[in-house]
Amino acid sequence: MNEAKLREYAELIVKIGANVQKGQRVRLQTGVDQVQLATMVTEECYKAGASYVEVIWECGPINKLNYQYASAETLGTVQTWEEERLKQMTVDLPVRIFIDSSDPDELAGISADLLSTVRQMRAKVTKKYRDQIDGKHQWLIVAAPSPAWAAKVFPGEPEDVAVEKLWNAIFDCLYLKEGEDIEKIWQAHSNRMISKAKWMTEQAFHKLHYTSKNGTDFTVELIPGAKWSGAGDINHLNKVFFVPNMPTEEVFTSPMRGKCEGRLVSTKPLSWSGQVINNFTVDFKDGRVVDCHAEQGEEVLKKMFAMDDGASMLGEVALVPKESPINQSGLMFFNTLFDENACCHVAAGAGFSEVLDGFMDMSDEEILAKGVNDSLIHVDFMVGSDDLHIVGIHEDGSETDVFVNGTWLNNHRPILSITLQNTTAAIVLAAVAASAGPTIAVGWTLPY
């Protein structure tokens, strides 16, 4: 990979994505195959004023060996030193950067029961720490090719060719183009999504109805007064704007817990717990998953929805037009970060408390009572198609087309236009978020 292009990527990650500020600690989590990028990101963090950068390395093949040979009790136990590190995280509130290069089939062949048991055991300990830092720190998930992932996306290609092709595809999805001002590009991109989110919030729809010729026929109720969000989020302690997912093309909210009916048909594979789930249908009744079938990975899918009481209910609905560059690439990435930004999707499990005004002052019980789902998991799966029709239904029963033939029907103007004055863009981007009013919220549940 061209070193100059990789450096530009590292700068994008630190300055616009995580928006690292002077004096902040940074925790960088990445695979052992990403030493070059991790080194550049670490350097850029220090250039931005970070006080310290901690790097946590991961290795997929060793992780699989652990699952093959260690007991469920051992794998599911959060060691004392791990929990102490999580406790310290709630004090330091570090900026957290995840560089995902994992193999979509990393844990192929591992039993669904074992994967489910280990996830449940660990999440019961780690979730409380995740909840404590919610809305109080900057975080970002990006991706980088590994040979195994590249081979999945470009089968049959020589390893070096596949990796280079995947790098180029990632850069295209991030609007990283030779000779163009990446800050201005992301400014305009953010404005477009904020504009759509503002429009959806103002519509105050009671329900959304999804239909497609593939068999999708699904209705979901929305939380009264909940905000729709897009582009980025704000650290509510220091008011710094950041972009938690790169790429990002979605406008999303959390629906009313336990209030949906009908069938959703998947349109892209889902990679979860190191296994691929493909060509599946999910049936909902009285707000819960009551049946699901998959051509590949059905057992894993069923275990996922049975993870806990909230796993069979929805925590997110997200709108992504078919013009998304990820979708236009024609590639199947087998990676949720990309595939969820290729088309409309929903998520099983935990919702986003940030969609509620005043969430920082609410208890977990109050947030749940408002309708935001809670769960140990948050798993996005894709349901968008070229003919997807989404109708917004108001409280009085009147209807407004939102999506027609897989894309936005409304073409309203952006709500604002600004020019960035410096590379970090901290103050200006925070102003974007503030002026957008009720449009900003988090878009991903972090891995632990």
Protein backbone atom coordinates (compact mmCIF):
# COMPACT_ATOMS: atom_id res chain seq x y z
CA MET A 1 0.00 0.00 0.00
CA ASN A 2 1.19 3.50 -0.90
CA GLU A 3 2.67 4.99 2.26
CA ALA A 4 1.40 8.50 1.52
CA LYS A 5 -2.16 7.19 1.09
CA LEU A 6 -1.89 5.22 4.32
CA ARG A 7 -0.68 8.34 6.12
CA GLU A 8 -3.69 10.25 4.79
CA TYR A 9 -5.92 7.49 6.17
CA ALA A 10 -4.23 7.72 9.58
CA GLU A 11 -4.79 11.48 9.62
CA LEU A 12 -8.47 10.99 8.71
CA ILE A 13 -8.86 8.50 11.56
CA VAL A 14 -7.31 10.78 14.17
CA LYS A 15 -8.34 14.28 13.09
CA ILE A 16 -11.86 13.81 11.73
CA GLY A 17 -12.96 10.38 12.95
CA ALA A 18 -11.81 10.20 16.58
CA ASN A 19 -10.98 13.94 16.70
CA VAL A 20 -8.30 13.43 19.35
CA GLN A 21 -7.77 16.47 21.57
CA LYS A 22 -4.75 17.73 23.48
CA GLY A 23 -4.19 15.88 26.74
CA GLN A 24 -6.49 12.93 25.97
CA ARG A 25 -5.42 9.33 26.44
CA VAL A 26 -6.04 7.01 23.49
CA ARG A 27 -6.70 3.26 23.46
CA LEU A 28 -6.01 1.70 20.04
CA GLN A 29 -7.21 -1.85 19.43
CA THR A 30 -6.09 -3.64 16.26
CA GLY A 31 -4.86 -6.88 14.73
CA VAL A 32 -1.22 -7.94 14.68
CA ASP A 33 -1.32 -7.67 10.88
CA GLN A 34 -1.77 -3.88 11.04
CA VAL A 35 1.54 -2.73 12.54
CA GLN A 36 2.22 -0.13 9.85
CA LEU A 37 -1.18 1.56 10.11
CA ALA A 38 -1.22 1.29 13.91
CA THR A 39 2.18 2.98 14.06
CA MET A 40 0.98 5.84 11.86
CA VAL A 41 -2.23 6.26 13.86
CA THR A 42 -0.24 6.30 17.10
CA GLU A 43 2.06 8.99 15.70
CA GLU A 44 -0.87 11.10 14.49
CA CYS A 45 -2.50 10.83 17.93
CA TYR A 46 0.64 12.21 19.54
CA LYS A 47 0.81 14.97 16.92
CA ALA A 48 -2.77 15.88 17.87
CA GLY A 49 -1.70 16.24 21.51
CA ALA A 50 -2.55 12.85 23.02
CA SER A 51 -0.96 12.32 26.42
CA TYR A 52 -0.52 8.57 25.92
CA VAL A 53 -1.49 5.93 23.34
CA GLU A 54 -2.09 2.38 24.58
CA VAL A 55 -2.15 -0.29 21.86
CA ILE A 56 -4.03 -3.57 22.40
CA TRP A 57 -3.10 -6.26 19.87
CA GLU A 58 -5.38 -9.08 18.69
CA CYS A 59 -4.67 -12.25 16.70
CA GLY A 60 -7.50 -14.13 14.97
CA PRO A 61 -5.76 -17.52 14.59
CA ILE A 62 -4.79 -17.55 18.27
CA ASN A 63 -8.34 -16.55 19.21
CA LYS A 64 -9.64 -19.58 17.30
CA LEU A 65 -7.15 -21.87 19.06
CA ASN A 66 -8.46 -20.60 22.38
CA TYR A 67 -11.99 -21.57 21.35
CA GLN A 68 -10.81 -24.98 20.14
CA TYR A 69 -8.91 -25.93 23.29
CA ALA A 70 -9.98 -23.83 26.29
CA SER A 71 -13.14 -24.46 28.31
CA ALA A 72 -16.22 -22.27 28.12
CA GLU A 73 -15.71 -21.33 31.76
CA THR A 74 -12.16 -20.15 31.07
CA LEU A 75 -13.09 -18.25 27.91
CA GLY A 76 -16.10 -16.62 29.53
CA THR A 77 -14.30 -15.45 32.65
CA VAL A 78 -13.32 -11.79 32.69
CA GLN A 79 -9.98 -11.90 34.47
CA THR A 80 -9.29 -9.56 37.39
CA TRP A 81 -6.73 -7.57 35.40
CA GLU A 82 -9.22 -7.17 32.54
CA GLU A 83 -11.90 -5.83 34.85
CA GLU A 84 -9.43 -3.47 36.50
CA ARG A 85 -8.58 -2.09 33.07
CA LEU A 86 -12.28 -1.58 32.36
CA LYS A 87 -12.73 0.18 35.70
CA GLN A 88 -9.81 2.47 34.90
CA MET A 89 -11.40 3.23 31.53
CA THR A 90 -14.44 4.70 33.31
CA VAL A 91 -12.05 7.08 35.10
CA ASP A 92 -9.69 8.00 32.24
CA LEU A 93 -12.41 8.04 29.54
CA PRO A 94 -9.86 7.46 26.77
CA VAL A 95 -10.53 8.03 23.10
CA ARG A 96 -11.06 4.51 21.72
CA ILE A 97 -10.06 3.56 18.18
CA PHE A 98 -10.76 0.12 16.72
CA ILE A 99 -9.10 -0.98 13.47
CA ASP A 100 -10.98 -4.09 12.30
CA SER A 101 -9.15 -6.47 9.97
CA SER A 102 -10.77 -9.68 11.18
CA ASP A 103 -11.47 -12.72 9.03
CA PRO A 104 -15.27 -13.04 8.54
CA ASP A 105 -14.85 -16.82 8.93
CA GLU A 106 -12.43 -16.59 11.85
CA LEU A 107 -14.45 -18.89 14.10
CA ALA A 108 -15.99 -21.13 11.44
CA GLY A 109 -16.49 -24.60 12.84
CA ILE A 110 -16.80 -23.45 16.46
CA SER A 111 -20.11 -24.50 18.01
CA ALA A 112 -22.84 -21.89 18.24
CA ASP A 113 -23.52 -22.97 21.84
CA LEU A 114 -19.94 -22.23 22.88
CA LEU A 115 -19.87 -18.85 21.14
CA SER A 116 -23.19 -17.86 22.72
CA THR A 117 -22.18 -19.01 26.20
CA VAL A 118 -18.87 -17.14 26.15
CA ARG A 119 -20.46 -13.94 24.85
CA GLN A 120 -23.14 -14.04 27.53
CA MET A 121 -20.67 -14.65 30.34
CA ARG A 122 -18.31 -11.86 29.34
CA ALA A 123 -21.01 -9.33 28.48
CA LYS A 124 -22.63 -9.70 31.89
CA VAL A 125 -19.44 -8.26 33.38
CA THR A 126 -18.34 -5.79 30.69
CA LYS A 127 -21.72 -4.20 29.91
CA LYS A 128 -21.88 -2.19 33.13
CA TYR A 129 -18.60 -0.48 32.28
CA ARG A 130 -19.74 0.19 28.72
CA ASP A 131 -22.88 1.81 30.07
CA GLN A 132 -20.86 4.01 32.45
CA ILE A 133 -18.88 5.64 29.61
CA ASP A 134 -21.83 6.00 27.24
CA GLY A 135 -21.84 9.54 25.82
CA LYS A 136 -18.69 10.50 27.73
CA HIS A 137 -15.87 9.68 25.32
CA GLN A 138 -14.94 9.68 21.64
CA TRP A 139 -14.69 6.39 19.79
CA LEU A 140 -14.24 5.18 16.25
CA ILE A 141 -14.38 1.95 14.27
CA VAL A 142 -12.50 1.74 10.96
CA ALA A 143 -11.14 -1.16 8.92
CA ALA A 144 -7.98 -2.36 7.22
CA PRO A 145 -7.47 -5.41 4.98
CA SER A 146 -6.01 -8.66 6.19
CA PRO A 147 -5.13 -11.43 3.71
CA ALA A 148 -7.97 -13.62 5.03
CA TRP A 149 -10.58 -10.87 4.75
CA ALA A 150 -9.33 -9.79 1.31
CA ALA A 151 -9.53 -13.39 0.07
CA LYS A 152 -13.18 -13.53 1.17
CA VAL A 153 -14.04 -10.34 -0.75
CA PHE A 154 -11.90 -11.15 -3.81
CA PRO A 155 -11.79 -14.97 -4.05
CA GLY A 156 -9.37 -16.42 -6.56
CA GLU A 157 -7.07 -13.41 -6.63
CA PRO A 158 -3.41 -13.66 -5.55
CA GLU A 159 -3.02 -12.53 -1.94
CA ASP A 160 -1.20 -9.27 -2.71
CA VAL A 161 -3.68 -8.36 -5.44
CA ALA A 162 -6.69 -9.09 -3.20
CA VAL A 163 -5.27 -6.98 -0.36
CA GLU A 164 -4.52 -4.07 -2.70
CA LYS A 165 -8.02 -4.25 -4.19
CA LEU A 166 -9.59 -4.21 -0.74
CA TRP A 167 -7.48 -1.21 0.30
CA ASN A 168 -8.68 0.66 -2.79
CA ALA A 169 -12.29 -0.31 -2.10
CA ILE A 170 -12.02 0.92 1.49
CA PHE A 171 -10.52 4.23 0.38
CA ASP A 172 -13.29 4.70 -2.20
CA CYS A 173 -15.92 4.14 0.50
CA LEU A 174 -14.19 6.78 2.65
CA TYR A 175 -14.03 9.36 -0.17
CA LEU A 176 -10.22 9.31 0.00
CA LYS A 177 -9.37 10.49 -3.49
CA GLU A 178 -6.09 11.70 -4.92
CA GLY A 179 -5.69 15.47 -4.84
CA GLU A 180 -9.04 16.22 -3.17
CA ASP A 181 -9.63 18.00 0.15
CA ILE A 182 -10.84 15.22 2.45
CA GLU A 183 -12.02 17.65 5.14
CA LYS A 184 -14.32 19.50 2.74
CA ILE A 185 -15.59 16.21 1.36
CA TRP A 186 -16.48 14.93 4.84
CA GLN A 187 -17.98 18.30 5.76
CA ALA A 188 -20.38 18.10 2.82
CA HIS A 189 -21.10 14.43 3.47
CA SER A 190 -21.90 15.11 7.13
CA ASN A 191 -24.18 18.00 6.20
CA ARG A 192 -26.20 15.78 3.88
CA MET A 193 -26.80 13.15 6.54
CA ILE A 194 -27.55 15.70 9.25
CA SER A 195 -30.10 17.24 6.91
CA LYS A 196 -31.88 13.92 6.37
CA ALA A 197 -31.83 13.15 10.10
CA LYS A 198 -33.34 16.54 10.89
CA TRP A 199 -36.13 15.95 8.36
CA MET A 200 -36.94 12.53 9.84
CA THR A 201 -37.01 13.97 13.37
CA GLU A 202 -39.32 16.79 12.30
CA GLN A 203 -41.75 14.36 10.65
CA ALA A 204 -42.35 12.69 14.04
CA PHE A 205 -43.62 9.50 12.41
CA HIS A 206 -45.57 7.09 14.60
CA LYS A 207 -44.62 4.04 12.51
CA LEU A 208 -42.61 2.96 9.48
CA HIS A 209 -43.87 0.33 7.04
CA TYR A 210 -41.33 -1.57 4.89
CA THR A 211 -42.24 -3.57 1.78
CA SER A 212 -40.22 -5.25 -0.97
CA LYS A 213 -40.84 -7.85 -3.66
CA ASN A 214 -38.36 -10.13 -1.88
CA GLY A 215 -40.97 -10.79 0.83
CA THR A 216 -40.25 -8.03 3.32
CA ASP A 217 -43.48 -6.72 4.85
CA PHE A 218 -42.73 -5.15 8.19
CA THR A 219 -44.09 -2.40 10.45
CA VAL A 220 -42.21 -0.83 13.36
CA GLU A 221 -43.40 1.74 15.89
CA LEU A 222 -41.14 4.66 16.80
CA ILE A 223 -40.52 6.31 20.17
CA PRO A 224 -42.42 9.61 20.53
CA GLY A 225 -39.97 12.50 20.44
CA ALA A 226 -36.93 10.33 19.70
CA LYS A 227 -34.26 11.91 17.52
CA TRP A 228 -32.97 10.61 14.22
CA SER A 229 -29.24 10.85 13.84
CA GLY A 230 -26.54 10.81 11.21
CA ALA A 231 -22.91 11.66 10.47
CA GLY A 232 -21.49 11.79 13.98
CA ASP A 233 -21.83 12.20 17.69
CA ILE A 234 -20.74 14.53 20.48
CA ASN A 235 -18.72 13.70 23.57
CA HIS A 236 -21.20 15.18 26.04
CA LEU A 237 -18.49 16.03 28.56
CA ASN A 238 -16.14 18.09 26.37
CA LYS A 239 -18.57 18.82 23.48
CA VAL A 240 -16.11 17.44 20.89
CA PHE A 241 -17.70 16.21 17.67
CA PHE A 242 -16.49 12.88 16.27
CA VAL A 243 -17.48 10.33 13.62
CA PRO A 244 -17.79 6.90 15.27
CA ASN A 245 -18.07 4.85 12.08
CA MET A 246 -15.98 5.34 8.95
CA PRO A 247 -17.49 4.77 6.45
CA THR A 248 -20.93 6.04 7.47
CA GLU A 249 -23.98 6.49 5.25
CA GLU A 250 -26.84 5.83 7.68
CA VAL A 251 -29.57 7.93 9.26
CA PHE A 252 -30.92 6.04 12.25
CA THR A 253 -32.90 5.96 15.48
CA SER A 254 -34.00 3.48 18.13
CA PRO A 255 -37.58 2.23 17.69
CA MET A 256 -40.12 1.55 20.41
CA ARG A 257 -39.09 -1.56 22.33
CA GLY A 258 -41.30 -4.56 21.55
CA LYS A 259 -43.49 -2.80 18.98
CA CYS A 260 -43.03 -4.35 15.53
CA GLU A 261 -44.76 -6.92 13.33
CA GLY A 262 -44.07 -8.79 10.12
CA ARG A 263 -41.23 -10.29 8.11
CA LEU A 264 -37.79 -8.97 7.22
CA VAL A 265 -35.74 -10.63 4.48
CA SER A 266 -31.98 -10.22 4.59
CA THR A 267 -30.26 -8.78 1.53
CA LYS A 268 -26.61 -9.20 2.54
CA PRO A 269 -24.66 -11.78 4.56
CA LEU A 270 -24.07 -11.15 8.25
CA SER A 271 -20.73 -12.00 9.87
CA TRP A 272 -21.28 -12.51 13.61
CA SER A 273 -19.07 -14.23 16.16
CA GLY A 274 -16.62 -15.17 13.42
CA GLN A 275 -19.26 -17.01 11.38
CA VAL A 276 -21.23 -16.03 8.28
CA ILE A 277 -25.05 -16.06 8.27
CA ASN A 278 -26.59 -15.78 4.82
CA ASN A 279 -29.95 -15.66 3.03
CA PHE A 280 -32.18 -15.47 6.08
CA THR A 281 -35.68 -14.37 7.04
CA VAL A 282 -36.81 -13.05 10.41
CA ASP A 283 -40.44 -13.04 11.56
CA PHE A 284 -41.69 -10.72 14.32
CA LYS A 285 -44.89 -10.89 16.35
CA ASP A 286 -45.78 -8.65 19.29
CA GLY A 287 -42.41 -6.98 18.97
CA ARG A 288 -40.23 -10.09 19.22
CA VAL A 289 -38.54 -12.53 16.87
CA VAL A 290 -40.74 -15.62 16.77
CA ASP A 291 -39.09 -17.47 13.89
CA CYS A 292 -36.01 -17.26 11.70
CA HIS A 293 -34.45 -19.36 8.96
CA ALA A 294 -31.14 -19.14 7.11
CA GLU A 295 -29.54 -21.04 4.25
CA GLN A 296 -26.21 -20.66 6.06
CA GLY A 297 -25.61 -20.18 9.79
CA GLU A 298 -29.19 -20.75 11.02
CA GLU A 299 -28.09 -22.19 14.37
CA VAL A 300 -25.87 -19.17 15.05
CA LEU A 301 -28.74 -16.84 14.09
CA LYS A 302 -31.13 -18.54 16.50
CA LYS A 303 -28.57 -18.39 19.31
CA MET A 304 -28.06 -14.70 18.62
CA PHE A 305 -31.75 -13.87 19.02
CA ALA A 306 -31.86 -15.97 22.22
CA MET A 307 -28.85 -14.27 23.83
CA ASP A 308 -31.01 -12.55 26.45
CA ASP A 309 -34.49 -11.06 26.91
CA GLY A 310 -33.74 -8.02 24.75
CA ALA A 311 -31.93 -9.82 21.93
CA SER A 312 -35.17 -10.79 20.18
CA MET A 313 -36.32 -7.15 20.02
CA LEU A 314 -35.00 -4.28 17.92
CA GLY A 315 -32.67 -1.53 19.08
CA GLU A 316 -32.15 0.32 15.81
CA VAL A 317 -33.70 1.12 12.44
CA ALA A 318 -31.40 2.76 9.90
CA LEU A 319 -31.99 4.25 6.47
CA VAL A 320 -29.30 4.05 3.77
CA PRO A 321 -30.00 4.92 0.11
CA LYS A 322 -28.93 2.58 -2.68
CA GLU A 323 -26.64 5.37 -3.99
CA SER A 324 -24.29 4.63 -1.09
CA PRO A 325 -20.75 4.20 -2.48
CA ILE A 326 -20.51 0.90 -0.62
CA ASN A 327 -23.57 -0.38 -2.45
CA GLN A 328 -22.43 1.11 -5.76
CA SER A 329 -19.12 -0.75 -5.47
CA GLY A 330 -21.01 -3.98 -6.09
CA LEU A 331 -18.85 -5.71 -3.49
CA MET A 332 -19.93 -7.93 -0.63
CA PHE A 333 -17.59 -6.93 2.20
CA PHE A 334 -18.64 -9.57 4.76
CA ASN A 335 -18.04 -6.88 7.37
CA THR A 336 -20.89 -5.13 9.17
CA LEU A 337 -19.13 -1.75 9.21
CA PHE A 338 -19.34 -1.69 5.41
CA ASP A 339 -22.37 -3.82 4.62
CA GLU A 340 -24.63 -1.92 7.04
CA ASN A 341 -23.69 1.29 5.23
CA ALA A 342 -24.57 -0.21 1.86
CA CYS A 343 -28.32 -0.43 2.47
CA CYS A 344 -31.11 -0.06 5.02
CA HIS A 345 -30.77 -2.23 8.09
CA VAL A 346 -32.13 -2.92 11.55
CA ALA A 347 -30.35 -4.11 14.68
CA ALA A 348 -31.36 -6.75 17.17
CA GLY A 349 -30.59 -5.94 20.78
CA ALA A 350 -29.56 -2.77 22.57
CA GLY A 351 -30.81 0.62 21.46
CA PHE A 352 -29.28 4.07 21.81
CA SER A 353 -30.17 6.13 24.86
CA GLU A 354 -28.84 9.19 23.01
CA VAL A 355 -32.03 9.39 20.93
CA LEU A 356 -33.80 10.71 24.04
CA ASP A 357 -33.55 14.31 25.18
CA GLY A 358 -31.93 14.45 28.61
CA PHE A 359 -30.66 10.87 28.52
CA MET A 360 -27.54 11.78 30.51
CA ASP A 361 -29.75 12.50 33.53
CA MET A 362 -31.91 9.37 33.19
CA SER A 363 -31.51 6.06 34.98
CA ASP A 364 -31.35 2.81 33.03
CA GLU A 365 -34.88 2.07 34.19
CA GLU A 366 -36.16 5.42 32.92
CA ILE A 367 -34.52 4.91 29.52
CA LEU A 368 -36.08 1.46 29.23
CA ALA A 369 -39.48 2.86 30.25
CA LYS A 370 -39.23 5.42 27.44
CA GLY A 371 -38.94 2.53 24.96
CA VAL A 372 -35.21 2.12 24.27
CA ASN A 373 -34.36 -1.58 24.22
CA ASP A 374 -31.57 -3.05 26.35
CA SER A 375 -29.52 -6.17 25.67
CA LEU A 376 -26.05 -7.66 25.89
CA ILE A 377 -25.84 -7.50 22.08
CA HIS A 378 -26.39 -5.05 19.24
CA VAL A 379 -26.26 -6.81 15.86
CA ASP A 380 -27.06 -5.06 12.59
CA PHE A 381 -28.50 -7.01 9.67
CA MET A 382 -29.24 -5.66 6.21
CA VAL A 383 -32.70 -5.50 4.64
CA GLY A 384 -32.35 -2.79 1.98
CA SER A 385 -33.11 -3.58 -1.67
CA ASP A 386 -33.42 -1.72 -4.96
CA ASP A 387 -37.21 -1.78 -4.72
CA LEU A 388 -37.55 -1.15 -0.98
CA HIS A 389 -40.51 1.08 -0.18
CA ILE A 390 -40.73 2.72 3.25
CA VAL A 391 -43.81 4.66 4.26
CA GLY A 392 -43.91 6.93 7.29
CA ILE A 393 -47.23 6.74 9.13
CA HIS A 394 -48.26 9.69 11.30
CA GLU A 395 -50.26 9.44 14.52
CA ASP A 396 -53.42 10.50 12.64
CA GLY A 397 -52.95 7.72 10.08
CA SER A 398 -51.76 9.93 7.24
CA GLU A 399 -48.82 8.60 5.24
CA THR A 400 -45.66 10.04 3.71
CA ASP A 401 -43.28 8.20 1.39
CA VAL A 402 -39.78 8.12 2.87
CA PHE A 403 -38.02 5.63 0.57
CA VAL A 404 -39.16 4.71 -2.95
CA ASN A 405 -37.22 2.17 -5.00
CA GLY A 406 -34.49 1.96 -2.40
CA THR A 407 -33.72 5.65 -2.00
CA TRP A 408 -34.87 8.86 -0.33
CA LEU A 409 -37.95 10.44 -1.87
CA ASN A 410 -37.49 13.89 -0.34
CA ASN A 411 -34.77 16.13 -1.76
CA HIS A 412 -34.78 18.99 0.74
CA ARG A 413 -31.79 21.27 0.99
CA PRO A 414 -28.98 20.84 3.53
CA ILE A 415 -29.66 22.65 6.77
CA LEU A 416 -26.32 24.45 6.77
CA SER A 417 -23.06 24.92 4.94
CA ILE A 418 -19.78 25.74 6.64
CA THR A 419 -16.09 25.87 5.84
CA LEU A 420 -13.63 24.09 8.12
CA GLN A 421 -10.91 26.40 9.43
CA ASN A 422 -8.35 23.87 10.67
CA THR A 423 -7.43 20.24 10.55
CA THR A 424 -8.88 19.10 13.85
CA ALA A 425 -12.18 20.83 13.13
CA ALA A 426 -13.16 20.38 16.78
CA ILE A 427 -14.88 23.71 17.31
CA VAL A 428 -16.47 23.96 13.88
CA LEU A 429 -17.81 20.42 13.80
CA ALA A 430 -19.20 20.82 17.30
CA ALA A 431 -21.05 23.86 16.00
CA VAL A 432 -22.46 21.73 13.18
CA ALA A 433 -23.81 19.27 15.69
CA ALA A 434 -25.20 21.96 17.97
CA SER A 435 -26.92 23.86 15.15
CA ALA A 436 -28.44 20.64 13.87
CA GLY A 437 -30.40 20.35 17.08
CA PRO A 438 -31.85 16.92 17.77
CA THR A 439 -29.90 14.91 15.23
CA ILE A 440 -26.76 13.54 16.83
CA ALA A 441 -26.37 10.15 18.48
CA VAL A 442 -24.07 7.16 18.66
CA GLY A 443 -24.24 4.52 15.93
CA TRP A 444 -22.51 1.38 17.15
CA THR A 445 -22.17 -0.76 20.23
CA LEU A 446 -18.48 -1.15 20.96
CA PRO A 447 -16.76 -4.55 21.11
CA TYR A 448 -15.34 -5.55 24.49
